[in-house]
Amino acid sequence: MKVETHNNTCIIRDNQSDLTNFLMKLTHEFKTFEKYHVIIDVSSHGRITVKQANSFLPLSNSHRKTKKSFVVVTDTDFNATSAKLALVPTIQEAHDVIELEEIERDLGI
């Protein structure tokens, strides 16, 4: 797991080939990242399954309750996954989603 922190955003990349172990490690260490907006980059895995993408939903839900964004970078079929999970194909789009969600929070939407 590789972690990069920029201002109020934390990009977490999986640098191993086992998505299940990455998710377990991420869940175990997630308190470390709770004050940041989080971008999870699993694009190195190629197209992950809908089930694998949705496995990030519990972390996403708990993180969003703290008024922070949680975005997963993958090329999974976005229409087949939960609408509550923010999935994007690139890091730049993840930053854009975070910016939009911050504006929505500021407006009270």
PDB file of N, CA and C in Angstrom:
ATOM      1  N   MET A   1       0.847  -1.167   0.000  1.00  0.00           N
ATOM      2  CA  MET A   1       0.000   0.000   0.000  1.00  0.00           C
ATOM      3  C   MET A   1       0.897   1.235   0.000  1.00  0.00           C
ATOM      4  N   LYS A   2       0.663   2.102  -0.967  1.00  0.00           N
ATOM      5  CA  LYS A   2       1.440   3.332  -1.083  1.00  0.00           C
ATOM      6  C   LYS A   2       0.503   4.504  -0.797  1.00  0.00           C
ATOM      7  N   VAL A   3       0.921   5.401   0.090  1.00  0.00           N
ATOM      8  CA  VAL A   3       0.083   6.517   0.513  1.00  0.00           C
ATOM      9  C   VAL A   3       0.766   7.838   0.168  1.00  0.00           C
ATOM     10  N   GLU A   4       0.023   8.726  -0.490  1.00  0.00           N
ATOM     11  CA  GLU A   4       0.488  10.074  -0.799  1.00  0.00           C
ATOM     12  C   GLU A   4      -0.515  11.051  -0.209  1.00  0.00           C
ATOM     13  N   THR A   5      -0.016  12.060   0.491  1.00  0.00           N
ATOM     14  CA  THR A   5      -0.890  13.063   1.075  1.00  0.00           C
ATOM     15  C   THR A   5      -0.603  14.418   0.446  1.00  0.00           C
ATOM     16  N   HIS A   6      -1.662  15.058  -0.033  1.00  0.00           N
ATOM     17  CA  HIS A   6      -1.578  16.388  -0.639  1.00  0.00           C
ATOM     18  C   HIS A   6      -2.658  17.245   0.002  1.00  0.00           C
ATOM     19  N   ASN A   7      -2.236  18.251   0.776  1.00  0.00           N
ATOM     20  CA  ASN A   7      -3.177  19.136   1.473  1.00  0.00           C
ATOM     21  C   ASN A   7      -4.174  18.321   2.292  1.00  0.00           C
ATOM     22  N   ASN A   8      -5.436  18.323   1.878  1.00  0.00           N
ATOM     23  CA  ASN A   8      -6.465  17.614   2.637  1.00  0.00           C
ATOM     24  C   ASN A   8      -6.926  16.327   1.949  1.00  0.00           C
ATOM     25  N   THR A   9      -6.120  15.846   1.007  1.00  0.00           N
ATOM     26  CA  THR A   9      -6.469  14.646   0.253  1.00  0.00           C
ATOM     27  C   THR A   9      -5.384  13.585   0.395  1.00  0.00           C
ATOM     28  N   CYS A  10      -5.812  12.360   0.542  1.00  0.00           N
ATOM     29  CA  CYS A  10      -4.903  11.228   0.686  1.00  0.00           C
ATOM     30  C   CYS A  10      -5.177  10.250  -0.458  1.00  0.00           C
ATOM     31  N   ILE A  11      -4.160   9.956  -1.238  1.00  0.00           N
ATOM     32  CA  ILE A  11      -4.279   8.974  -2.327  1.00  0.00           C
ATOM     33  C   ILE A  11      -3.624   7.685  -1.847  1.00  0.00           C
ATOM     34  N   ILE A  12      -4.407   6.618  -1.851  1.00  0.00           N
ATOM     35  CA  ILE A  12      -3.919   5.319  -1.395  1.00  0.00           C
ATOM     36  C   ILE A  12      -3.929   4.377  -2.596  1.00  0.00           C
ATOM     37  N   ARG A  13      -2.744   3.872  -2.926  1.00  0.00           N
ATOM     38  CA  ARG A  13      -2.607   2.969  -4.077  1.00  0.00           C
ATOM     39  C   ARG A  13      -2.267   1.566  -3.602  1.00  0.00           C
ATOM     40  N   ASP A  14      -2.847   0.597  -4.278  1.00  0.00           N
ATOM     41  CA  ASP A  14      -2.510  -0.790  -4.001  1.00  0.00           C
ATOM     42  C   ASP A  14      -1.313  -1.144  -4.865  1.00  0.00           C
ATOM     43  N   ASN A  15      -0.210  -1.503  -4.232  1.00  0.00           N
ATOM     44  CA  ASN A  15       0.989  -1.865  -4.985  1.00  0.00           C
ATOM     45  C   ASN A  15       1.247  -3.369  -4.936  1.00  0.00           C
ATOM     46  N   GLN A  16       0.210  -4.125  -4.602  1.00  0.00           N
ATOM     47  CA  GLN A  16       0.289  -5.576  -4.632  1.00  0.00           C
ATOM     48  C   GLN A  16      -0.808  -6.088  -5.547  1.00  0.00           C
ATOM     49  N   SER A  17      -0.839  -7.360  -5.757  1.00  0.00           N
ATOM     50  CA  SER A  17      -1.816  -7.896  -6.711  1.00  0.00           C
ATOM     51  C   SER A  17      -3.039  -8.521  -6.038  1.00  0.00           C
ATOM     52  N   ASP A  18      -3.130  -8.441  -4.733  1.00  0.00           N
ATOM     53  CA  ASP A  18      -4.239  -9.080  -4.024  1.00  0.00           C
ATOM     54  C   ASP A  18      -5.177  -8.024  -3.454  1.00  0.00           C
ATOM     55  N   LEU A  19      -6.297  -7.819  -4.129  1.00  0.00           N
ATOM     56  CA  LEU A  19      -7.248  -6.792  -3.730  1.00  0.00           C
ATOM     57  C   LEU A  19      -7.875  -7.083  -2.369  1.00  0.00           C
ATOM     58  N   THR A  20      -8.094  -8.343  -2.055  1.00  0.00           N
ATOM     59  CA  THR A  20      -8.689  -8.710  -0.763  1.00  0.00           C
ATOM     60  C   THR A  20      -7.766  -8.323   0.384  1.00  0.00           C
ATOM     61  N   ASN A  21      -6.487  -8.633   0.274  1.00  0.00           N
ATOM     62  CA  ASN A  21      -5.524  -8.247   1.311  1.00  0.00           C
ATOM     63  C   ASN A  21      -5.385  -6.735   1.414  1.00  0.00           C
ATOM     64  N   PHE A  22      -5.425  -6.049   0.282  1.00  0.00           N
ATOM     65  CA  PHE A  22      -5.362  -4.595   0.287  1.00  0.00           C
ATOM     66  C   PHE A  22      -6.546  -4.011   1.050  1.00  0.00           C
ATOM     67  N   LEU A  23      -7.731  -4.517   0.789  1.00  0.00           N
ATOM     68  CA  LEU A  23      -8.924  -4.015   1.472  1.00  0.00           C
ATOM     69  C   LEU A  23      -8.859  -4.290   2.971  1.00  0.00           C
ATOM     70  N   MET A  24      -8.367  -5.457   3.366  1.00  0.00           N
ATOM     71  CA  MET A  24      -8.226  -5.774   4.794  1.00  0.00           C
ATOM     72  C   MET A  24      -7.230  -4.818   5.450  1.00  0.00           C
ATOM     73  N   LYS A  25      -6.094  -4.588   4.800  1.00  0.00           N
ATOM     74  CA  LYS A  25      -5.087  -3.686   5.353  1.00  0.00           C
ATOM     75  C   LYS A  25      -5.618  -2.252   5.413  1.00  0.00           C
ATOM     76  N   LEU A  26      -6.312  -1.853   4.377  1.00  0.00           N
ATOM     77  CA  LEU A  26      -6.901  -0.521   4.329  1.00  0.00           C
ATOM     78  C   LEU A  26      -7.918  -0.333   5.453  1.00  0.00           C
ATOM     79  N   THR A  27      -8.763  -1.307   5.670  1.00  0.00           N
ATOM     80  CA  THR A  27      -9.757  -1.246   6.735  1.00  0.00           C
ATOM     81  C   THR A  27      -9.087  -1.169   8.095  1.00  0.00           C
ATOM     82  N   HIS A  28      -8.048  -1.946   8.279  1.00  0.00           N
ATOM     83  CA  HIS A  28      -7.326  -1.976   9.553  1.00  0.00           C
ATOM     84  C   HIS A  28      -6.657  -0.637   9.860  1.00  0.00           C
ATOM     85  N   GLU A  29      -6.140   0.030   8.850  1.00  0.00           N
ATOM     86  CA  GLU A  29      -5.387   1.265   9.039  1.00  0.00           C
ATOM     87  C   GLU A  29      -6.191   2.526   8.728  1.00  0.00           C
ATOM     88  N   PHE A  30      -7.491   2.390   8.507  1.00  0.00           N
ATOM     89  CA  PHE A  30      -8.268   3.512   7.996  1.00  0.00           C
ATOM     90  C   PHE A  30      -8.362   4.691   8.953  1.00  0.00           C
ATOM     91  N   LYS A  31      -8.282   4.477  10.236  1.00  0.00           N
ATOM     92  CA  LYS A  31      -8.335   5.583  11.206  1.00  0.00           C
ATOM     93  C   LYS A  31      -7.226   6.606  10.927  1.00  0.00           C
ATOM     94  N   THR A  32      -6.138   6.151  10.338  1.00  0.00           N
ATOM     95  CA  THR A  32      -5.017   7.019   9.997  1.00  0.00           C
ATOM     96  C   THR A  32      -5.414   8.062   8.957  1.00  0.00           C
ATOM     97  N   PHE A  33      -6.398   7.738   8.131  1.00  0.00           N
ATOM     98  CA  PHE A  33      -6.766   8.593   7.005  1.00  0.00           C
ATOM     99  C   PHE A  33      -8.078   9.339   7.211  1.00  0.00           C
ATOM    100  N   GLU A  34      -8.689   9.228   8.386  1.00  0.00           N
ATOM    101  CA  GLU A  34     -10.044   9.738   8.575  1.00  0.00           C
ATOM    102  C   GLU A  34     -10.174  11.257   8.465  1.00  0.00           C
ATOM    103  N   LYS A  35      -9.086  12.011   8.628  1.00  0.00           N
ATOM    104  CA  LYS A  35      -9.202  13.468   8.535  1.00  0.00           C
ATOM    105  C   LYS A  35      -8.995  13.989   7.111  1.00  0.00           C
ATOM    106  N   TYR A  36      -8.770  13.097   6.163  1.00  0.00           N
ATOM    107  CA  TYR A  36      -8.531  13.457   4.769  1.00  0.00           C
ATOM    108  C   TYR A  36      -9.687  13.023   3.872  1.00  0.00           C
ATOM    109  N   HIS A  37      -9.789  13.680   2.721  1.00  0.00           N
ATOM    110  CA  HIS A  37     -10.581  13.132   1.629  1.00  0.00           C
ATOM    111  C   HIS A  37      -9.741  11.983   1.086  1.00  0.00           C
ATOM    112  N   VAL A  38     -10.362  10.870   0.745  1.00  0.00           N
ATOM    113  CA  VAL A  38      -9.606   9.680   0.369  1.00  0.00           C
ATOM    114  C   VAL A  38      -9.878   9.289  -1.078  1.00  0.00           C
ATOM    115  N   ILE A  39      -8.790   9.045  -1.796  1.00  0.00           N
ATOM    116  CA  ILE A  39      -8.849   8.484  -3.146  1.00  0.00           C
ATOM    117  C   ILE A  39      -8.178   7.117  -3.074  1.00  0.00           C
ATOM    118  N   ILE A  40      -8.922   6.090  -3.412  1.00  0.00           N
ATOM    119  CA  ILE A  40      -8.399   4.724  -3.447  1.00  0.00           C
ATOM    120  C   ILE A  40      -8.128   4.382  -4.906  1.00  0.00           C
ATOM    121  N   ASP A  41      -6.875   4.178  -5.246  1.00  0.00           N
ATOM    122  CA  ASP A  41      -6.495   3.886  -6.628  1.00  0.00           C
ATOM    123  C   ASP A  41      -6.213   2.399  -6.788  1.00  0.00           C
ATOM    124  N   VAL A  42      -7.153   1.711  -7.406  1.00  0.00           N
ATOM    125  CA  VAL A  42      -6.963   0.286  -7.695  1.00  0.00           C
ATOM    126  C   VAL A  42      -6.913   0.064  -9.208  1.00  0.00           C
ATOM    127  N   SER A  43      -6.544   1.106  -9.935  1.00  0.00           N
ATOM    128  CA  SER A  43      -6.487   1.011 -11.395  1.00  0.00           C
ATOM    129  C   SER A  43      -5.428   0.028 -11.876  1.00  0.00           C
ATOM    130  N   SER A  44      -4.449  -0.269 -11.043  1.00  0.00           N
ATOM    131  CA  SER A  44      -3.412  -1.235 -11.425  1.00  0.00           C
ATOM    132  C   SER A  44      -3.973  -2.647 -11.562  1.00  0.00           C
ATOM    133  N   HIS A  45      -5.155  -2.875 -11.014  1.00  0.00           N
ATOM    134  CA  HIS A  45      -5.796  -4.193 -11.108  1.00  0.00           C
ATOM    135  C   HIS A  45      -6.570  -4.368 -12.410  1.00  0.00           C
ATOM    136  N   GLY A  46      -6.630  -3.324 -13.228  1.00  0.00           N
ATOM    137  CA  GLY A  46      -7.436  -3.399 -14.433  1.00  0.00           C
ATOM    138  C   GLY A  46      -8.900  -3.354 -14.051  1.00  0.00           C
ATOM    139  N   ARG A  47      -9.725  -4.030 -14.769  1.00  0.00           N
ATOM    140  CA  ARG A  47     -11.165  -4.023 -14.495  1.00  0.00           C
ATOM    141  C   ARG A  47     -11.459  -4.983 -13.350  1.00  0.00           C
ATOM    142  N   ILE A  48     -11.892  -4.432 -12.214  1.00  0.00           N
ATOM    143  CA  ILE A  48     -12.275  -5.280 -11.085  1.00  0.00           C
ATOM    144  C   ILE A  48     -13.765  -5.593 -11.207  1.00  0.00           C
ATOM    145  N   THR A  49     -14.197  -6.622 -10.525  1.00  0.00           N
ATOM    146  CA  THR A  49     -15.603  -7.012 -10.603  1.00  0.00           C
ATOM    147  C   THR A  49     -16.472  -6.035  -9.829  1.00  0.00           C
ATOM    148  N   VAL A  50     -17.756  -6.073 -10.109  1.00  0.00           N
ATOM    149  CA  VAL A  50     -18.709  -5.230  -9.388  1.00  0.00           C
ATOM    150  C   VAL A  50     -18.696  -5.590  -7.905  1.00  0.00           C
ATOM    151  N   LYS A  51     -18.600  -6.871  -7.604  1.00  0.00           N
ATOM    152  CA  LYS A  51     -18.549  -7.314  -6.213  1.00  0.00           C
ATOM    153  C   LYS A  51     -17.308  -6.744  -5.514  1.00  0.00           C
ATOM    154  N   GLN A  52     -16.172  -6.764  -6.184  1.00  0.00           N
ATOM    155  CA  GLN A  52     -14.949  -6.205  -5.606  1.00  0.00           C
ATOM    156  C   GLN A  52     -15.088  -4.697  -5.401  1.00  0.00           C
ATOM    157  N   ALA A  53     -15.661  -4.005  -6.365  1.00  0.00           N
ATOM    158  CA  ALA A  53     -15.859  -2.554  -6.235  1.00  0.00           C
ATOM    159  C   ALA A  53     -16.790  -2.250  -5.067  1.00  0.00           C
ATOM    160  N   ASN A  54     -17.879  -2.992  -4.961  1.00  0.00           N
ATOM    161  CA  ASN A  54     -18.831  -2.760  -3.877  1.00  0.00           C
ATOM    162  C   ASN A  54     -18.274  -3.124  -2.510  1.00  0.00           C
ATOM    163  N   SER A  55     -17.178  -3.866  -2.463  1.00  0.00           N
ATOM    164  CA  SER A  55     -16.573  -4.204  -1.172  1.00  0.00           C
ATOM    165  C   SER A  55     -15.998  -2.967  -0.485  1.00  0.00           C
ATOM    166  N   PHE A  56     -15.813  -1.876  -1.220  1.00  0.00           N
ATOM    167  CA  PHE A  56     -15.336  -0.621  -0.637  1.00  0.00           C
ATOM    168  C   PHE A  56     -16.489   0.205  -0.045  1.00  0.00           C
ATOM    169  N   LEU A  57     -17.719  -0.218  -0.274  1.00  0.00           N
ATOM    170  CA  LEU A  57     -18.883   0.555   0.164  1.00  0.00           C
ATOM    171  C   LEU A  57     -18.961   0.779   1.673  1.00  0.00           C
ATOM    172  N   PRO A  58     -18.721  -0.220   2.524  1.00  0.00           N
ATOM    173  CA  PRO A  58     -18.772   0.050   3.974  1.00  0.00           C
ATOM    174  C   PRO A  58     -17.773   1.123   4.419  1.00  0.00           C
ATOM    175  N   LEU A  59     -16.556   1.080   3.898  1.00  0.00           N
ATOM    176  CA  LEU A  59     -15.569   2.113   4.215  1.00  0.00           C
ATOM    177  C   LEU A  59     -16.036   3.477   3.708  1.00  0.00           C
ATOM    178  N   SER A  60     -16.558   3.493   2.509  1.00  0.00           N
ATOM    179  CA  SER A  60     -17.043   4.735   1.921  1.00  0.00           C
ATOM    180  C   SER A  60     -18.159   5.338   2.762  1.00  0.00           C
ATOM    181  N   ASN A  61     -19.127   4.517   3.143  1.00  0.00           N
ATOM    182  CA  ASN A  61     -20.258   5.004   3.932  1.00  0.00           C
ATOM    183  C   ASN A  61     -19.815   5.589   5.264  1.00  0.00           C
ATOM    184  N   SER A  62     -18.940   4.899   5.963  1.00  0.00           N
ATOM    185  CA  SER A  62     -18.494   5.403   7.263  1.00  0.00           C
ATOM    186  C   SER A  62     -17.648   6.660   7.106  1.00  0.00           C
ATOM    187  N   HIS A  63     -16.859   6.729   6.040  1.00  0.00           N
ATOM    188  CA  HIS A  63     -16.016   7.908   5.823  1.00  0.00           C
ATOM    189  C   HIS A  63     -16.856   9.127   5.444  1.00  0.00           C
ATOM    190  N   ARG A  64     -17.867   8.926   4.632  1.00  0.00           N
ATOM    191  CA  ARG A  64     -18.716  10.040   4.203  1.00  0.00           C
ATOM    192  C   ARG A  64     -19.524  10.621   5.372  1.00  0.00           C
ATOM    193  N   LYS A  65     -19.780   9.826   6.383  1.00  0.00           N
ATOM    194  CA  LYS A  65     -20.498  10.327   7.565  1.00  0.00           C
ATOM    195  C   LYS A  65     -19.691  11.402   8.285  1.00  0.00           C
ATOM    196  N   THR A  66     -18.371  11.405   8.091  1.00  0.00           N
ATOM    197  CA  THR A  66     -17.508  12.411   8.718  1.00  0.00           C
ATOM    198  C   THR A  66     -17.354  13.649   7.836  1.00  0.00           C
ATOM    199  N   LYS A  67     -18.195  13.744   6.794  1.00  0.00           N
ATOM    200  CA  LYS A  67     -18.183  14.886   5.865  1.00  0.00           C
ATOM    201  C   LYS A  67     -16.899  14.954   5.044  1.00  0.00           C
ATOM    202  N   LYS A  68     -16.357  13.784   4.712  1.00  0.00           N
ATOM    203  CA  LYS A  68     -15.173  13.691   3.860  1.00  0.00           C
ATOM    204  C   LYS A  68     -15.518  12.823   2.648  1.00  0.00           C
ATOM    205  N   SER A  69     -14.852  13.078   1.549  1.00  0.00           N
ATOM    206  CA  SER A  69     -15.099  12.331   0.312  1.00  0.00           C
ATOM    207  C   SER A  69     -14.303  11.041   0.277  1.00  0.00           C
ATOM    208  N   PHE A  70     -14.847  10.061  -0.433  1.00  0.00           N
ATOM    209  CA  PHE A  70     -14.217   8.756  -0.616  1.00  0.00           C
ATOM    210  C   PHE A  70     -14.466   8.363  -2.067  1.00  0.00           C
ATOM    211  N   VAL A  71     -13.390   8.290  -2.859  1.00  0.00           N
ATOM    212  CA  VAL A  71     -13.515   8.016  -4.290  1.00  0.00           C
ATOM    213  C   VAL A  71     -12.596   6.859  -4.658  1.00  0.00           C
ATOM    214  N   VAL A  72     -13.106   5.944  -5.484  1.00  0.00           N
ATOM    215  CA  VAL A  72     -12.323   4.796  -5.941  1.00  0.00           C
ATOM    216  C   VAL A  72     -12.010   4.976  -7.429  1.00  0.00           C
ATOM    217  N   VAL A  73     -10.728   4.844  -7.770  1.00  0.00           N
ATOM    218  CA  VAL A  73     -10.297   4.951  -9.164  1.00  0.00           C
ATOM    219  C   VAL A  73     -10.173   3.546  -9.736  1.00  0.00           C
ATOM    220  N   THR A  74     -11.025   3.252 -10.704  1.00  0.00           N
ATOM    221  CA  THR A  74     -11.051   1.949 -11.370  1.00  0.00           C
ATOM    222  C   THR A  74     -11.813   2.086 -12.675  1.00  0.00           C
ATOM    223  N   ASP A  75     -11.646   1.142 -13.559  1.00  0.00           N
ATOM    224  CA  ASP A  75     -12.413   1.190 -14.814  1.00  0.00           C
ATOM    225  C   ASP A  75     -13.562   0.190 -14.818  1.00  0.00           C
ATOM    226  N   THR A  76     -14.060  -0.121 -13.638  1.00  0.00           N
ATOM    227  CA  THR A  76     -15.206  -1.014 -13.496  1.00  0.00           C
ATOM    228  C   THR A  76     -16.449  -0.368 -14.105  1.00  0.00           C
ATOM    229  N   ASP A  77     -17.417  -1.173 -14.484  1.00  0.00           N
ATOM    230  CA  ASP A  77     -18.680  -0.682 -15.024  1.00  0.00           C
ATOM    231  C   ASP A  77     -19.398   0.144 -13.949  1.00  0.00           C
ATOM    232  N   PHE A  78     -19.388   1.448 -14.107  1.00  0.00           N
ATOM    233  CA  PHE A  78     -19.909   2.358 -13.092  1.00  0.00           C
ATOM    234  C   PHE A  78     -21.411   2.231 -12.905  1.00  0.00           C
ATOM    235  N   ASN A  79     -22.126   1.834 -13.947  1.00  0.00           N
ATOM    236  CA  ASN A  79     -23.580   1.723 -13.869  1.00  0.00           C
ATOM    237  C   ASN A  79     -24.032   0.483 -13.102  1.00  0.00           C
ATOM    238  N   ALA A  80     -23.156  -0.504 -12.974  1.00  0.00           N
ATOM    239  CA  ALA A  80     -23.537  -1.759 -12.319  1.00  0.00           C
ATOM    240  C   ALA A  80     -23.253  -1.756 -10.816  1.00  0.00           C
ATOM    241  N   THR A  81     -22.561  -0.749 -10.328  1.00  0.00           N
ATOM    242  CA  THR A  81     -22.206  -0.692  -8.911  1.00  0.00           C
ATOM    243  C   THR A  81     -23.182   0.204  -8.152  1.00  0.00           C
ATOM    244  N   SER A  82     -23.045   0.209  -6.842  1.00  0.00           N
ATOM    245  CA  SER A  82     -23.914   1.014  -5.992  1.00  0.00           C
ATOM    246  C   SER A  82     -23.770   2.495  -6.328  1.00  0.00           C
ATOM    247  N   ALA A  83     -24.882   3.192  -6.380  1.00  0.00           N
ATOM    248  CA  ALA A  83     -24.863   4.628  -6.664  1.00  0.00           C
ATOM    249  C   ALA A  83     -24.245   5.412  -5.508  1.00  0.00           C
ATOM    250  N   LYS A  84     -24.157   4.796  -4.349  1.00  0.00           N
ATOM    251  CA  LYS A  84     -23.587   5.462  -3.177  1.00  0.00           C
ATOM    252  C   LYS A  84     -22.060   5.445  -3.187  1.00  0.00           C
ATOM    253  N   LEU A  85     -21.476   4.704  -4.116  1.00  0.00           N
ATOM    254  CA  LEU A  85     -20.024   4.582  -4.200  1.00  0.00           C
ATOM    255  C   LEU A  85     -19.522   5.417  -5.370  1.00  0.00           C
ATOM    256  N   ALA A  86     -18.602   6.333  -5.091  1.00  0.00           N
ATOM    257  CA  ALA A  86     -18.044   7.192  -6.141  1.00  0.00           C
ATOM    258  C   ALA A  86     -16.913   6.450  -6.840  1.00  0.00           C
ATOM    259  N   LEU A  87     -17.150   6.064  -8.081  1.00  0.00           N
ATOM    260  CA  LEU A  87     -16.154   5.392  -8.910  1.00  0.00           C
ATOM    261  C   LEU A  87     -15.836   6.268 -10.103  1.00  0.00           C
ATOM    262  N   VAL A  88     -14.550   6.434 -10.381  1.00  0.00           N
ATOM    263  CA  VAL A  88     -14.105   7.234 -11.520  1.00  0.00           C
ATOM    264  C   VAL A  88     -12.933   6.529 -12.200  1.00  0.00           C
ATOM    265  N   PRO A  89     -12.687   6.831 -13.476  1.00  0.00           N
ATOM    266  CA  PRO A  89     -11.606   6.143 -14.186  1.00  0.00           C
ATOM    267  C   PRO A  89     -10.207   6.746 -14.018  1.00  0.00           C
ATOM    268  N   THR A  90     -10.105   7.991 -13.524  1.00  0.00           N
ATOM    269  CA  THR A  90      -8.786   8.621 -13.410  1.00  0.00           C
ATOM    270  C   THR A  90      -8.638   9.378 -12.088  1.00  0.00           C
ATOM    271  N   ILE A  91      -7.386   9.608 -11.715  1.00  0.00           N
ATOM    272  CA  ILE A  91      -7.084  10.387 -10.505  1.00  0.00           C
ATOM    273  C   ILE A  91      -7.617  11.812 -10.644  1.00  0.00           C
ATOM    274  N   GLN A  92      -7.473  12.418 -11.819  1.00  0.00           N
ATOM    275  CA  GLN A  92      -7.959  13.788 -12.024  1.00  0.00           C
ATOM    276  C   GLN A  92      -9.463  13.866 -11.789  1.00  0.00           C
ATOM    277  N   GLU A  93     -10.205  12.881 -12.279  1.00  0.00           N
ATOM    278  CA  GLU A  93     -11.644  12.876 -12.059  1.00  0.00           C
ATOM    279  C   GLU A  93     -11.971  12.676 -10.579  1.00  0.00           C
ATOM    280  N   ALA A  94     -11.139  11.942  -9.864  1.00  0.00           N
ATOM    281  CA  ALA A  94     -11.341  11.774  -8.421  1.00  0.00           C
ATOM    282  C   ALA A  94     -11.202  13.118  -7.719  1.00  0.00           C
ATOM    283  N   HIS A  95     -10.201  13.891  -8.098  1.00  0.00           N
ATOM    284  CA  HIS A  95     -10.029  15.231  -7.526  1.00  0.00           C
ATOM    285  C   HIS A  95     -11.228  16.121  -7.867  1.00  0.00           C
ATOM    286  N   ASP A  96     -11.741  15.988  -9.082  1.00  0.00           N
ATOM    287  CA  ASP A  96     -12.909  16.772  -9.490  1.00  0.00           C
ATOM    288  C   ASP A  96     -14.134  16.415  -8.643  1.00  0.00           C
ATOM    289  N   VAL A  97     -14.333  15.133  -8.385  1.00  0.00           N
ATOM    290  CA  VAL A  97     -15.458  14.688  -7.555  1.00  0.00           C
ATOM    291  C   VAL A  97     -15.333  15.268  -6.144  1.00  0.00           C
ATOM    292  N   ILE A  98     -14.137  15.221  -5.597  1.00  0.00           N
ATOM    293  CA  ILE A  98     -13.908  15.771  -4.255  1.00  0.00           C
ATOM    294  C   ILE A  98     -14.230  17.258  -4.235  1.00  0.00           C
ATOM    295  N   GLU A  99     -13.782  17.981  -5.245  1.00  0.00           N
ATOM    296  CA  GLU A  99     -14.056  19.413  -5.316  1.00  0.00           C
ATOM    297  C   GLU A  99     -15.558  19.688  -5.387  1.00  0.00           C
ATOM    298  N   LEU A 100     -16.270  18.927  -6.209  1.00  0.00           N
ATOM    299  CA  LEU A 100     -17.723  19.096  -6.326  1.00  0.00           C
ATOM    300  C   LEU A 100     -18.435  18.759  -5.016  1.00  0.00           C
ATOM    301  N   GLU A 101     -17.990  17.685  -4.349  1.00  0.00           N
ATOM    302  CA  GLU A 101     -18.621  17.308  -3.088  1.00  0.00           C
ATOM    303  C   GLU A 101     -18.346  18.356  -2.011  1.00  0.00           C
ATOM    304  N   GLU A 102     -17.177  18.982  -2.023  1.00  0.00           N
ATOM    305  CA  GLU A 102     -16.890  20.050  -1.058  1.00  0.00           C
ATOM    306  C   GLU A 102     -17.811  21.241  -1.295  1.00  0.00           C
ATOM    307  N   ILE A 103     -18.051  21.570  -2.552  1.00  0.00           N
ATOM    308  CA  ILE A 103     -18.971  22.664  -2.872  1.00  0.00           C
ATOM    309  C   ILE A 103     -20.372  22.325  -2.393  1.00  0.00           C
ATOM    310  N   GLU A 104     -20.821  21.090  -2.644  1.00  0.00           N
ATOM    311  CA  GLU A 104     -22.152  20.655  -2.185  1.00  0.00           C
ATOM    312  C   GLU A 104     -22.253  20.746  -0.664  1.00  0.00           C
ATOM    313  N   ARG A 105     -21.218  20.330   0.050  1.00  0.00           N
ATOM    314  CA  ARG A 105     -21.251  20.413   1.518  1.00  0.00           C
ATOM    315  C   ARG A 105     -21.308  21.863   1.980  1.00  0.00           C
ATOM    316  N   ASP A 106     -20.559  22.732   1.307  1.00  0.00           N
ATOM    317  CA  ASP A 106     -20.572  24.157   1.664  1.00  0.00           C
ATOM    318  C   ASP A 106     -21.953  24.769   1.434  1.00  0.00           C
ATOM    319  N   LEU A 107     -22.641  24.299   0.393  1.00  0.00           N
ATOM    320  CA  LEU A 107     -23.981  24.815   0.082  1.00  0.00           C
ATOM    321  C   LEU A 107     -25.076  24.123   0.900  1.00  0.00           C
ATOM    322  N   GLY A 108     -24.716  23.060   1.605  1.00  0.00           N
ATOM    323  CA  GLY A 108     -25.696  22.337   2.400  1.00  0.00           C
ATOM    324  C   GLY A 108     -26.567  21.393   1.600  1.00  0.00           C
ATOM    325  N   ILE A 109     -26.081  20.969   0.458  1.00  0.00           N
ATOM    326  CA  ILE A 109     -26.842  20.061  -0.419  1.00  0.00           C
ATOM    327  C   ILE A 109     -26.671  18.631   0.023  1.00  0.00           C
TER     328      ILE A 109
END
